[in-house]
Amino acid sequence: VTFHPATLDRVAPAERCRAMVEALDRFPQLNIIATYPNND
């Protein structure tokens, strides 16, 4: 998982990221390797 801010999006990046986390938590059979975003 690598999730960066979409700098032209009108919705807060945290809200977008929480939606992704919620979705991936629906797949408990998968482990997750997540990296930091760029400094945007």
PDB file of all heavy atoms in Angstrom:
ATOM      1  N   VAL A   1       0.837  -1.194   0.000  1.00  0.00           N
ATOM      2  CA  VAL A   1       0.000   0.000   0.000  1.00  0.00           C
ATOM      3  C   VAL A   1       0.876   1.250   0.000  1.00  0.00           C
ATOM      4  O   VAL A   1       1.740   1.409   0.874  1.00  0.00           O
ATOM      5  CB  VAL A   1      -0.922   0.018   1.239  1.00  0.00           C
ATOM      6  CG1 VAL A   1      -1.681   1.328   1.317  1.00  0.00           C
ATOM      7  CG2 VAL A   1      -1.874  -1.162   1.207  1.00  0.00           C
ATOM      8  N   THR A   2       0.654   2.120  -0.973  1.00  0.00           N
ATOM      9  CA  THR A   2       1.286   3.442  -0.996  1.00  0.00           C
ATOM     10  C   THR A   2       0.212   4.453  -1.371  1.00  0.00           C
ATOM     11  O   THR A   2      -0.329   4.397  -2.482  1.00  0.00           O
ATOM     12  CB  THR A   2       2.449   3.501  -2.005  1.00  0.00           C
ATOM     13  OG1 THR A   2       3.412   2.489  -1.684  1.00  0.00           O
ATOM     14  CG2 THR A   2       3.119   4.863  -1.944  1.00  0.00           C
ATOM     15  N   PHE A   3      -0.073   5.355  -0.444  1.00  0.00           N
ATOM     16  CA  PHE A   3      -1.161   6.315  -0.654  1.00  0.00           C
ATOM     17  C   PHE A   3      -0.647   7.731  -0.423  1.00  0.00           C
ATOM     18  O   PHE A   3      -0.212   8.072   0.669  1.00  0.00           O
ATOM     19  CB  PHE A   3      -2.324   6.013   0.304  1.00  0.00           C
ATOM     20  CG  PHE A   3      -3.583   6.750  -0.034  1.00  0.00           C
ATOM     21  CD1 PHE A   3      -4.423   6.284  -1.038  1.00  0.00           C
ATOM     22  CD2 PHE A   3      -3.937   7.908   0.637  1.00  0.00           C
ATOM     23  CE1 PHE A   3      -5.593   6.967  -1.372  1.00  0.00           C
ATOM     24  CE2 PHE A   3      -5.101   8.596   0.320  1.00  0.00           C
ATOM     25  CZ  PHE A   3      -5.928   8.127  -0.691  1.00  0.00           C
ATOM     26  N   HIS A   4      -0.679   8.544  -1.477  1.00  0.00           N
ATOM     27  CA  HIS A   4      -0.212   9.925  -1.420  1.00  0.00           C
ATOM     28  C   HIS A   4      -1.405  10.884  -1.431  1.00  0.00           C
ATOM     29  O   HIS A   4      -2.492  10.528  -1.904  1.00  0.00           O
ATOM     30  CB  HIS A   4       0.664  10.247  -2.635  1.00  0.00           C
ATOM     31  CG  HIS A   4       1.860   9.377  -2.783  1.00  0.00           C
ATOM     32  ND1 HIS A   4       2.911   9.382  -1.885  1.00  0.00           N
ATOM     33  CD2 HIS A   4       2.208   8.474  -3.748  1.00  0.00           C
ATOM     34  CE1 HIS A   4       3.837   8.526  -2.289  1.00  0.00           C
ATOM     35  NE2 HIS A   4       3.434   7.961  -3.409  1.00  0.00           N
ATOM     36  N   PRO A   5      -1.218  12.121  -0.981  1.00  0.00           N
ATOM     37  CA  PRO A   5      -2.279  13.116  -1.138  1.00  0.00           C
ATOM     38  C   PRO A   5      -2.540  13.398  -2.619  1.00  0.00           C
ATOM     39  O   PRO A   5      -1.593  13.498  -3.402  1.00  0.00           O
ATOM     40  CB  PRO A   5      -1.715  14.363  -0.445  1.00  0.00           C
ATOM     41  CG  PRO A   5      -0.607  13.878   0.424  1.00  0.00           C
ATOM     42  CD  PRO A   5      -0.047  12.670  -0.267  1.00  0.00           C
ATOM     43  N   ALA A   6      -3.798  13.497  -2.985  1.00  0.00           N
ATOM     44  CA  ALA A   6      -4.165  13.995  -4.320  1.00  0.00           C
ATOM     45  C   ALA A   6      -4.351  15.494  -4.162  1.00  0.00           C
ATOM     46  O   ALA A   6      -5.387  15.956  -3.675  1.00  0.00           O
ATOM     47  CB  ALA A   6      -5.434  13.322  -4.822  1.00  0.00           C
ATOM     48  N   THR A   7      -3.359  16.271  -4.546  1.00  0.00           N
ATOM     49  CA  THR A   7      -3.293  17.680  -4.137  1.00  0.00           C
ATOM     50  C   THR A   7      -4.371  18.562  -4.757  1.00  0.00           C
ATOM     51  O   THR A   7      -4.546  19.703  -4.333  1.00  0.00           O
ATOM     52  CB  THR A   7      -1.901  18.256  -4.455  1.00  0.00           C
ATOM     53  OG1 THR A   7      -1.538  17.934  -5.804  1.00  0.00           O
ATOM     54  CG2 THR A   7      -0.860  17.680  -3.513  1.00  0.00           C
ATOM     55  N   LEU A   8      -5.103  18.065  -5.750  1.00  0.00           N
ATOM     56  CA  LEU A   8      -6.212  18.830  -6.315  1.00  0.00           C
ATOM     57  C   LEU A   8      -7.575  18.298  -5.873  1.00  0.00           C
ATOM     58  O   LEU A   8      -8.612  18.747  -6.349  1.00  0.00           O
ATOM     59  CB  LEU A   8      -6.124  18.852  -7.846  1.00  0.00           C
ATOM     60  CG  LEU A   8      -4.888  19.560  -8.431  1.00  0.00           C
ATOM     61  CD1 LEU A   8      -4.950  19.570  -9.948  1.00  0.00           C
ATOM     62  CD2 LEU A   8      -4.760  20.977  -7.899  1.00  0.00           C
ATOM     63  N   ASP A   9      -7.571  17.333  -4.965  1.00  0.00           N
ATOM     64  CA  ASP A   9      -8.811  16.784  -4.426  1.00  0.00           C
ATOM     65  C   ASP A   9      -9.392  17.755  -3.401  1.00  0.00           C
ATOM     66  O   ASP A   9      -8.659  18.348  -2.602  1.00  0.00           O
ATOM     67  CB  ASP A   9      -8.524  15.430  -3.761  1.00  0.00           C
ATOM     68  CG  ASP A   9      -9.780  14.637  -3.463  1.00  0.00           C
ATOM     69  OD1 ASP A   9     -10.888  15.189  -3.609  1.00  0.00           O
ATOM     70  OD2 ASP A   9      -9.644  13.464  -3.080  1.00  0.00           O
ATOM     71  N   ARG A  10     -10.716  17.923  -3.395  1.00  0.00           N
ATOM     72  CA  ARG A  10     -11.360  18.838  -2.458  1.00  0.00           C
ATOM     73  C   ARG A  10     -11.686  18.184  -1.123  1.00  0.00           C
ATOM     74  O   ARG A  10     -12.122  18.857  -0.186  1.00  0.00           O
ATOM     75  CB  ARG A  10     -12.637  19.405  -3.087  1.00  0.00           C
ATOM     76  CG  ARG A  10     -12.363  20.255  -4.331  1.00  0.00           C
ATOM     77  CD  ARG A  10     -13.645  20.829  -4.904  1.00  0.00           C
ATOM     78  NE  ARG A  10     -13.376  21.650  -6.088  1.00  0.00           N
ATOM     79  CZ  ARG A  10     -14.314  22.276  -6.790  1.00  0.00           C
ATOM     80  NH1 ARG A  10     -15.581  22.174  -6.432  1.00  0.00           N
ATOM     81  NH2 ARG A  10     -13.977  23.002  -7.834  1.00  0.00           N
ATOM     82  N   VAL A  11     -11.478  16.868  -1.042  1.00  0.00           N
ATOM     83  CA  VAL A  11     -11.737  16.144   0.203  1.00  0.00           C
ATOM     84  C   VAL A  11     -10.411  15.935   0.927  1.00  0.00           C
ATOM     85  O   VAL A  11      -9.375  15.695   0.306  1.00  0.00           O
ATOM     86  CB  VAL A  11     -12.422  14.794  -0.097  1.00  0.00           C
ATOM     87  CG1 VAL A  11     -12.610  13.985   1.184  1.00  0.00           C
ATOM     88  CG2 VAL A  11     -13.759  15.028  -0.789  1.00  0.00           C
ATOM     89  N   ALA A  12     -10.426  16.012   2.238  1.00  0.00           N
ATOM     90  CA  ALA A  12      -9.208  15.888   3.039  1.00  0.00           C
ATOM     91  C   ALA A  12      -8.522  14.546   2.799  1.00  0.00           C
ATOM     92  O   ALA A  12      -9.186  13.504   2.742  1.00  0.00           O
ATOM     93  CB  ALA A  12      -9.542  16.040   4.521  1.00  0.00           C
ATOM     94  N   PRO A  13      -7.191  14.537   2.661  1.00  0.00           N
ATOM     95  CA  PRO A  13      -6.461  13.285   2.429  1.00  0.00           C
ATOM     96  C   PRO A  13      -6.709  12.242   3.507  1.00  0.00           C
ATOM     97  O   PRO A  13      -6.766  11.038   3.203  1.00  0.00           O
ATOM     98  CB  PRO A  13      -5.000  13.736   2.419  1.00  0.00           C
ATOM     99  CG  PRO A  13      -5.035  15.166   2.031  1.00  0.00           C
ATOM    100  CD  PRO A  13      -6.293  15.712   2.627  1.00  0.00           C
ATOM    101  N   ALA A  14      -6.856  12.667   4.763  1.00  0.00           N
ATOM    102  CA  ALA A  14      -7.095  11.701   5.843  1.00  0.00           C
ATOM    103  C   ALA A  14      -8.388  10.942   5.619  1.00  0.00           C
ATOM    104  O   ALA A  14      -8.471   9.726   5.866  1.00  0.00           O
ATOM    105  CB  ALA A  14      -7.125  12.416   7.192  1.00  0.00           C
ATOM    106  N   GLU A  15      -9.428  11.638   5.146  1.00  0.00           N
ATOM    107  CA  GLU A  15     -10.706  10.982   4.883  1.00  0.00           C
ATOM    108  C   GLU A  15     -10.559   9.940   3.783  1.00  0.00           C
ATOM    109  O   GLU A  15     -11.102   8.829   3.875  1.00  0.00           O
ATOM    110  CB  GLU A  15     -11.756  12.017   4.494  1.00  0.00           C
ATOM    111  CG  GLU A  15     -13.147  11.446   4.285  1.00  0.00           C
ATOM    112  CD  GLU A  15     -14.187  12.515   3.999  1.00  0.00           C
ATOM    113  OE1 GLU A  15     -13.982  13.683   4.395  1.00  0.00           O
ATOM    114  OE2 GLU A  15     -15.219  12.181   3.369  1.00  0.00           O
ATOM    115  N   ARG A  16      -9.826  10.286   2.739  1.00  0.00           N
ATOM    116  CA  ARG A  16      -9.602   9.331   1.646  1.00  0.00           C
ATOM    117  C   ARG A  16      -8.814   8.118   2.143  1.00  0.00           C
ATOM    118  O   ARG A  16      -9.118   6.970   1.803  1.00  0.00           O
ATOM    119  CB  ARG A  16      -8.832  10.006   0.511  1.00  0.00           C
ATOM    120  CG  ARG A  16      -9.538  11.177  -0.147  1.00  0.00           C
ATOM    121  CD  ARG A  16     -10.859  10.781  -0.766  1.00  0.00           C
ATOM    122  NE  ARG A  16     -11.352  11.801  -1.679  1.00  0.00           N
ATOM    123  CZ  ARG A  16     -12.600  11.894  -2.102  1.00  0.00           C
ATOM    124  NH1 ARG A  16     -13.500  11.022  -1.669  1.00  0.00           N
ATOM    125  NH2 ARG A  16     -12.960  12.827  -2.962  1.00  0.00           N
ATOM    126  N   CYS A  17      -7.802   8.381   2.966  1.00  0.00           N
ATOM    127  CA  CYS A  17      -6.975   7.287   3.470  1.00  0.00           C
ATOM    128  C   CYS A  17      -7.768   6.376   4.407  1.00  0.00           C
ATOM    129  O   CYS A  17      -7.617   5.148   4.373  1.00  0.00           O
ATOM    130  CB  CYS A  17      -5.749   7.856   4.178  1.00  0.00           C
ATOM    131  SG  CYS A  17      -4.523   6.620   4.644  1.00  0.00           S
ATOM    132  N   ARG A  18      -8.633   6.968   5.246  1.00  0.00           N
ATOM    133  CA  ARG A  18      -9.446   6.141   6.144  1.00  0.00           C
ATOM    134  C   ARG A  18     -10.384   5.228   5.371  1.00  0.00           C
ATOM    135  O   ARG A  18     -10.633   4.084   5.783  1.00  0.00           O
ATOM    136  CB  ARG A  18     -10.231   7.035   7.106  1.00  0.00           C
ATOM    137  CG  ARG A  18      -9.414   7.530   8.297  1.00  0.00           C
ATOM    138  CD  ARG A  18     -10.299   8.160   9.359  1.00  0.00           C
ATOM    139  NE  ARG A  18     -10.813   9.442   8.928  1.00  0.00           N
ATOM    140  CZ  ARG A  18     -10.229  10.610   9.191  1.00  0.00           C
ATOM    141  NH1 ARG A  18      -9.104  10.643   9.887  1.00  0.00           N
ATOM    142  NH2 ARG A  18     -10.764  11.744   8.776  1.00  0.00           N
ATOM    143  N   ALA A  19     -10.891   5.697   4.229  1.00  0.00           N
ATOM    144  CA  ALA A  19     -11.752   4.845   3.402  1.00  0.00           C
ATOM    145  C   ALA A  19     -10.960   3.657   2.875  1.00  0.00           C
ATOM    146  O   ALA A  19     -11.465   2.524   2.830  1.00  0.00           O
ATOM    147  CB  ALA A  19     -12.348   5.654   2.259  1.00  0.00           C
ATOM    148  N   MET A  20      -9.713   3.895   2.461  1.00  0.00           N
ATOM    149  CA  MET A  20      -8.874   2.797   1.992  1.00  0.00           C
ATOM    150  C   MET A  20      -8.604   1.798   3.113  1.00  0.00           C
ATOM    151  O   MET A  20      -8.680   0.571   2.917  1.00  0.00           O
ATOM    152  CB  MET A  20      -7.555   3.347   1.458  1.00  0.00           C
ATOM    153  CG  MET A  20      -6.599   2.262   0.960  1.00  0.00           C
ATOM    154  SD  MET A  20      -4.945   2.898   0.576  1.00  0.00           S
ATOM    155  CE  MET A  20      -4.350   3.292   2.237  1.00  0.00           C
ATOM    156  N   VAL A  21      -8.295   2.297   4.309  1.00  0.00           N
ATOM    157  CA  VAL A  21      -8.038   1.420   5.449  1.00  0.00           C
ATOM    158  C   VAL A  21      -9.277   0.585   5.765  1.00  0.00           C
ATOM    159  O   VAL A  21      -9.190  -0.638   6.003  1.00  0.00           O
ATOM    160  CB  VAL A  21      -7.608   2.251   6.668  1.00  0.00           C
ATOM    161  CG1 VAL A  21      -7.621   1.398   7.945  1.00  0.00           C
ATOM    162  CG2 VAL A  21      -6.225   2.850   6.437  1.00  0.00           C
ATOM    163  N   GLU A  22     -10.451   1.232   5.763  1.00  0.00           N
ATOM    164  CA  GLU A  22     -11.696   0.505   6.024  1.00  0.00           C
ATOM    165  C   GLU A  22     -11.897  -0.618   5.014  1.00  0.00           C
ATOM    166  O   GLU A  22     -12.277  -1.744   5.375  1.00  0.00           O
ATOM    167  CB  GLU A  22     -12.883   1.465   5.974  1.00  0.00           C
ATOM    168  CG  GLU A  22     -14.229   0.787   6.221  1.00  0.00           C
ATOM    169  CD  GLU A  22     -15.409   1.733   6.070  1.00  0.00           C
ATOM    170  OE1 GLU A  22     -15.216   2.966   6.130  1.00  0.00           O
ATOM    171  OE2 GLU A  22     -16.546   1.233   5.879  1.00  0.00           O
ATOM    172  N   ALA A  23     -11.629  -0.320   3.745  1.00  0.00           N
ATOM    173  CA  ALA A  23     -11.794  -1.334   2.703  1.00  0.00           C
ATOM    174  C   ALA A  23     -10.830  -2.498   2.906  1.00  0.00           C
ATOM    175  O   ALA A  23     -11.220  -3.678   2.821  1.00  0.00           O
ATOM    176  CB  ALA A  23     -11.585  -0.702   1.332  1.00  0.00           C
ATOM    177  N   LEU A  24      -9.569  -2.195   3.188  1.00  0.00           N
ATOM    178  CA  LEU A  24      -8.578  -3.265   3.324  1.00  0.00           C
ATOM    179  C   LEU A  24      -8.777  -4.081   4.593  1.00  0.00           C
ATOM    180  O   LEU A  24      -8.381  -5.252   4.652  1.00  0.00           O
ATOM    181  CB  LEU A  24      -7.169  -2.668   3.267  1.00  0.00           C
ATOM    182  CG  LEU A  24      -6.763  -2.167   1.871  1.00  0.00           C
ATOM    183  CD1 LEU A  24      -5.432  -1.425   1.924  1.00  0.00           C
ATOM    184  CD2 LEU A  24      -6.690  -3.315   0.877  1.00  0.00           C
ATOM    185  N   ASP A  25      -9.416  -3.500   5.588  1.00  0.00           N
ATOM    186  CA  ASP A  25      -9.726  -4.283   6.791  1.00  0.00           C
ATOM    187  C   ASP A  25     -10.825  -5.318   6.529  1.00  0.00           C
ATOM    188  O   ASP A  25     -11.056  -6.195   7.364  1.00  0.00           O
ATOM    189  CB  ASP A  25     -10.141  -3.353   7.936  1.00  0.00           C
ATOM    190  CG  ASP A  25      -8.943  -2.786   8.681  1.00  0.00           C
ATOM    191  OD1 ASP A  25      -7.830  -3.331   8.521  1.00  0.00           O
ATOM    192  OD2 ASP A  25      -9.107  -1.800   9.429  1.00  0.00           O
ATOM    193  N   ARG A  26     -11.481  -5.214   5.394  1.00  0.00           N
ATOM    194  CA  ARG A  26     -12.463  -6.218   5.001  1.00  0.00           C
ATOM    195  C   ARG A  26     -11.802  -7.441   4.368  1.00  0.00           C
ATOM    196  O   ARG A  26     -12.484  -8.386   3.952  1.00  0.00           O
ATOM    197  CB  ARG A  26     -13.479  -5.607   4.029  1.00  0.00           C
ATOM    198  CG  ARG A  26     -14.284  -4.457   4.633  1.00  0.00           C
ATOM    199  CD  ARG A  26     -15.159  -3.765   3.591  1.00  0.00           C
ATOM    200  NE  ARG A  26     -15.799  -2.561   4.146  1.00  0.00           N
ATOM    201  CZ  ARG A  26     -16.567  -1.726   3.444  1.00  0.00           C
ATOM    202  NH1 ARG A  26     -16.789  -1.960   2.148  1.00  0.00           N
ATOM    203  NH2 ARG A  26     -17.097  -0.667   4.016  1.00  0.00           N
ATOM    204  N   PHE A  27     -10.459  -7.418   4.306  1.00  0.00           N
ATOM    205  CA  PHE A  27      -9.697  -8.544   3.755  1.00  0.00           C
ATOM    206  C   PHE A  27      -8.706  -9.022   4.817  1.00  0.00           C
ATOM    207  O   PHE A  27      -7.487  -8.883   4.667  1.00  0.00           O
ATOM    208  CB  PHE A  27      -8.960  -8.125   2.485  1.00  0.00           C
ATOM    209  CG  PHE A  27      -9.868  -7.710   1.355  1.00  0.00           C
ATOM    210  CD1 PHE A  27     -10.302  -6.400   1.237  1.00  0.00           C
ATOM    211  CD2 PHE A  27     -10.302  -8.655   0.431  1.00  0.00           C
ATOM    212  CE1 PHE A  27     -11.150  -6.021   0.206  1.00  0.00           C
ATOM    213  CE2 PHE A  27     -11.155  -8.287  -0.599  1.00  0.00           C
ATOM    214  CZ  PHE A  27     -11.581  -6.975  -0.710  1.00  0.00           C
ATOM    215  N   PRO A  28      -9.214  -9.606   5.907  1.00  0.00           N
ATOM    216  CA  PRO A  28      -8.317 -10.030   7.001  1.00  0.00           C
ATOM    217  C   PRO A  28      -7.348 -11.124   6.579  1.00  0.00           C
ATOM    218  O   PRO A  28      -6.371 -11.382   7.292  1.00  0.00           O
ATOM    219  CB  PRO A  28      -9.300 -10.526   8.074  1.00  0.00           C
ATOM    220  CG  PRO A  28     -10.537 -10.886   7.318  1.00  0.00           C
ATOM    221  CD  PRO A  28     -10.620  -9.922   6.189  1.00  0.00           C
ATOM    222  N   GLN A  29      -7.622 -11.753   5.438  1.00  0.00           N
ATOM    223  CA  GLN A  29      -6.708 -12.798   4.956  1.00  0.00           C
ATOM    224  C   GLN A  29      -5.433 -12.220   4.365  1.00  0.00           C
ATOM    225  O   GLN A  29      -4.488 -12.968   4.069  1.00  0.00           O
ATOM    226  CB  GLN A  29      -7.421 -13.666   3.903  1.00  0.00           C
ATOM    227  CG  GLN A  29      -7.615 -13.020   2.528  1.00  0.00           C
ATOM    228  CD  GLN A  29      -8.888 -12.199   2.416  1.00  0.00           C
ATOM    229  OE1 GLN A  29      -9.408 -11.703   3.418  1.00  0.00           O
ATOM    230  NE2 GLN A  29      -9.410 -12.075   1.207  1.00  0.00           N
ATOM    231  N   LEU A  30      -5.371 -10.888   4.214  1.00  0.00           N
ATOM    232  CA  LEU A  30      -4.188 -10.230   3.662  1.00  0.00           C
ATOM    233  C   LEU A  30      -3.429  -9.481   4.748  1.00  0.00           C
ATOM    234  O   LEU A  30      -4.016  -8.722   5.520  1.00  0.00           O
ATOM    235  CB  LEU A  30      -4.582  -9.208   2.584  1.00  0.00           C
ATOM    236  CG  LEU A  30      -5.162  -9.715   1.267  1.00  0.00           C
ATOM    237  CD1 LEU A  30      -5.546  -8.524   0.398  1.00  0.00           C
ATOM    238  CD2 LEU A  30      -4.161 -10.602   0.546  1.00  0.00           C
ATOM    239  N   ASN A  31      -2.122  -9.681   4.816  1.00  0.00           N
ATOM    240  CA  ASN A  31      -1.277  -8.766   5.570  1.00  0.00           C
ATOM    241  C   ASN A  31      -1.023  -7.520   4.719  1.00  0.00           C
ATOM    242  O   ASN A  31      -1.282  -7.513   3.500  1.00  0.00           O
ATOM    243  CB  ASN A  31       0.049  -9.427   5.941  1.00  0.00           C
ATOM    244  CG  ASN A  31      -0.091 -10.394   7.108  1.00  0.00           C
ATOM    245  OD1 ASN A  31      -1.074 -10.333   7.853  1.00  0.00           O
ATOM    246  ND2 ASN A  31       0.872 -11.292   7.257  1.00  0.00           N
ATOM    247  N   ILE A  32      -0.489  -6.486   5.343  1.00  0.00           N
ATOM    248  CA  ILE A  32      -0.299  -5.206   4.660  1.00  0.00           C
ATOM    249  C   ILE A  32       1.137  -4.719   4.854  1.00  0.00           C
ATOM    250  O   ILE A  32       1.635  -4.673   5.985  1.00  0.00           O
ATOM    251  CB  ILE A  32      -1.258  -4.119   5.200  1.00  0.00           C
ATOM    252  CG1 ILE A  32      -2.717  -4.586   5.151  1.00  0.00           C
ATOM    253  CG2 ILE A  32      -1.050  -2.803   4.451  1.00  0.00           C
ATOM    254  CD1 ILE A  32      -3.276  -4.770   3.765  1.00  0.00           C
ATOM    255  N   ILE A  33       1.781  -4.339   3.758  1.00  0.00           N
ATOM    256  CA  ILE A  33       3.046  -3.602   3.806  1.00  0.00           C
ATOM    257  C   ILE A  33       2.746  -2.192   3.314  1.00  0.00           C
ATOM    258  O   ILE A  33       2.428  -1.988   2.140  1.00  0.00           O
ATOM    259  CB  ILE A  33       4.128  -4.252   2.923  1.00  0.00           C
ATOM    260  CG1 ILE A  33       4.415  -5.687   3.373  1.00  0.00           C
ATOM    261  CG2 ILE A  33       5.411  -3.414   2.942  1.00  0.00           C
ATOM    262  CD1 ILE A  33       5.347  -6.451   2.440  1.00  0.00           C
ATOM    263  N   ALA A  34       2.795  -1.220   4.214  1.00  0.00           N
ATOM    264  CA  ALA A  34       2.448   0.165   3.878  1.00  0.00           C
ATOM    265  C   ALA A  34       3.677   1.050   3.995  1.00  0.00           C
ATOM    266  O   ALA A  34       4.477   0.905   4.934  1.00  0.00           O
ATOM    267  CB  ALA A  34       1.342   0.683   4.791  1.00  0.00           C
ATOM    268  N   THR A  35       3.823   1.970   3.041  1.00  0.00           N
ATOM    269  CA  THR A  35       4.933   2.918   3.071  1.00  0.00           C
ATOM    270  C   THR A  35       4.408   4.336   3.307  1.00  0.00           C
ATOM    271  O   THR A  35       3.253   4.636   3.017  1.00  0.00           O
ATOM    272  CB  THR A  35       5.730   2.888   1.754  1.00  0.00           C
ATOM    273  OG1 THR A  35       4.894   3.340   0.687  1.00  0.00           O
ATOM    274  CG2 THR A  35       6.224   1.478   1.452  1.00  0.00           C
ATOM    275  N   TYR A  36       5.277   5.193   3.809  1.00  0.00           N
ATOM    276  CA  TYR A  36       4.919   6.592   4.008  1.00  0.00           C
ATOM    277  C   TYR A  36       4.620   7.266   2.665  1.00  0.00           C
ATOM    278  O   TYR A  36       5.202   6.898   1.640  1.00  0.00           O
ATOM    279  CB  TYR A  36       6.084   7.341   4.665  1.00  0.00           C
ATOM    280  CG  TYR A  36       6.064   7.375   6.177  1.00  0.00           C
ATOM    281  CD1 TYR A  36       5.617   6.280   6.920  1.00  0.00           C
ATOM    282  CD2 TYR A  36       6.521   8.485   6.874  1.00  0.00           C
ATOM    283  CE1 TYR A  36       5.623   6.310   8.304  1.00  0.00           C
ATOM    284  CE2 TYR A  36       6.540   8.529   8.261  1.00  0.00           C
ATOM    285  CZ  TYR A  36       6.084   7.448   8.966  1.00  0.00           C
ATOM    286  OH  TYR A  36       6.085   7.476  10.334  1.00  0.00           O
ATOM    287  N   PRO A  37       3.776   8.280   2.680  1.00  0.00           N
ATOM    288  CA  PRO A  37       3.565   9.080   1.478  1.00  0.00           C
ATOM    289  C   PRO A  37       4.715  10.058   1.266  1.00  0.00           C
ATOM    290  O   PRO A  37       5.549  10.270   2.154  1.00  0.00           O
ATOM    291  CB  PRO A  37       2.276   9.837   1.786  1.00  0.00           C
ATOM    292  CG  PRO A  37       2.312  10.004   3.276  1.00  0.00           C
ATOM    293  CD  PRO A  37       2.941   8.741   3.808  1.00  0.00           C
ATOM    294  N   ASN A  38       4.751  10.678   0.072  1.00  0.00           N
ATOM    295  CA  ASN A  38       5.676  11.780  -0.184  1.00  0.00           C
ATOM    296  C   ASN A  38       5.277  12.992   0.663  1.00  0.00           C
ATOM    297  O   ASN A  38       4.172  13.052   1.198  1.00  0.00           O
ATOM    298  CB  ASN A  38       5.658  12.167  -1.663  1.00  0.00           C
ATOM    299  CG  ASN A  38       6.313  11.114  -2.528  1.00  0.00           C
ATOM    300  OD1 ASN A  38       7.184  10.376  -2.065  1.00  0.00           O
ATOM    301  ND2 ASN A  38       5.909  11.050  -3.778  1.00  0.00           N
ATOM    302  N   ASN A  39       6.169  13.974   0.730  1.00  0.00           N
ATOM    303  CA  ASN A  39       5.863  15.158   1.553  1.00  0.00           C
ATOM    304  C   ASN A  39       5.098  16.213   0.756  1.00  0.00           C
ATOM    305  O   ASN A  39       5.502  17.365   0.644  1.00  0.00           O
ATOM    306  CB  ASN A  39       7.132  15.750   2.180  1.00  0.00           C
ATOM    307  CG  ASN A  39       8.107  16.311   1.163  1.00  0.00           C
ATOM    308  OD1 ASN A  39       8.137  15.884   0.008  1.00  0.00           O
ATOM    309  ND2 ASN A  39       8.919  17.266   1.589  1.00  0.00           N
ATOM    310  N   ASP A  40       3.957  15.797   0.217  1.00  0.00           N
ATOM    311  CA  ASP A  40       3.029  16.720  -0.430  1.00  0.00           C
ATOM    312  C   ASP A  40       2.054  17.244   0.619  1.00  0.00           C
ATOM    313  O   ASP A  40       1.922  16.681   1.713  1.00  0.00           O
ATOM    314  CB  ASP A  40       2.249  16.010  -1.548  1.00  0.00           C
ATOM    315  CG  ASP A  40       3.164  15.502  -2.650  1.00  0.00           C
ATOM    316  OD1 ASP A  40       4.047  16.262  -3.064  1.00  0.00           O
ATOM    317  OD2 ASP A  40       2.986  14.348  -3.094  1.00  0.00           O
TER     318      ASP A  40
END
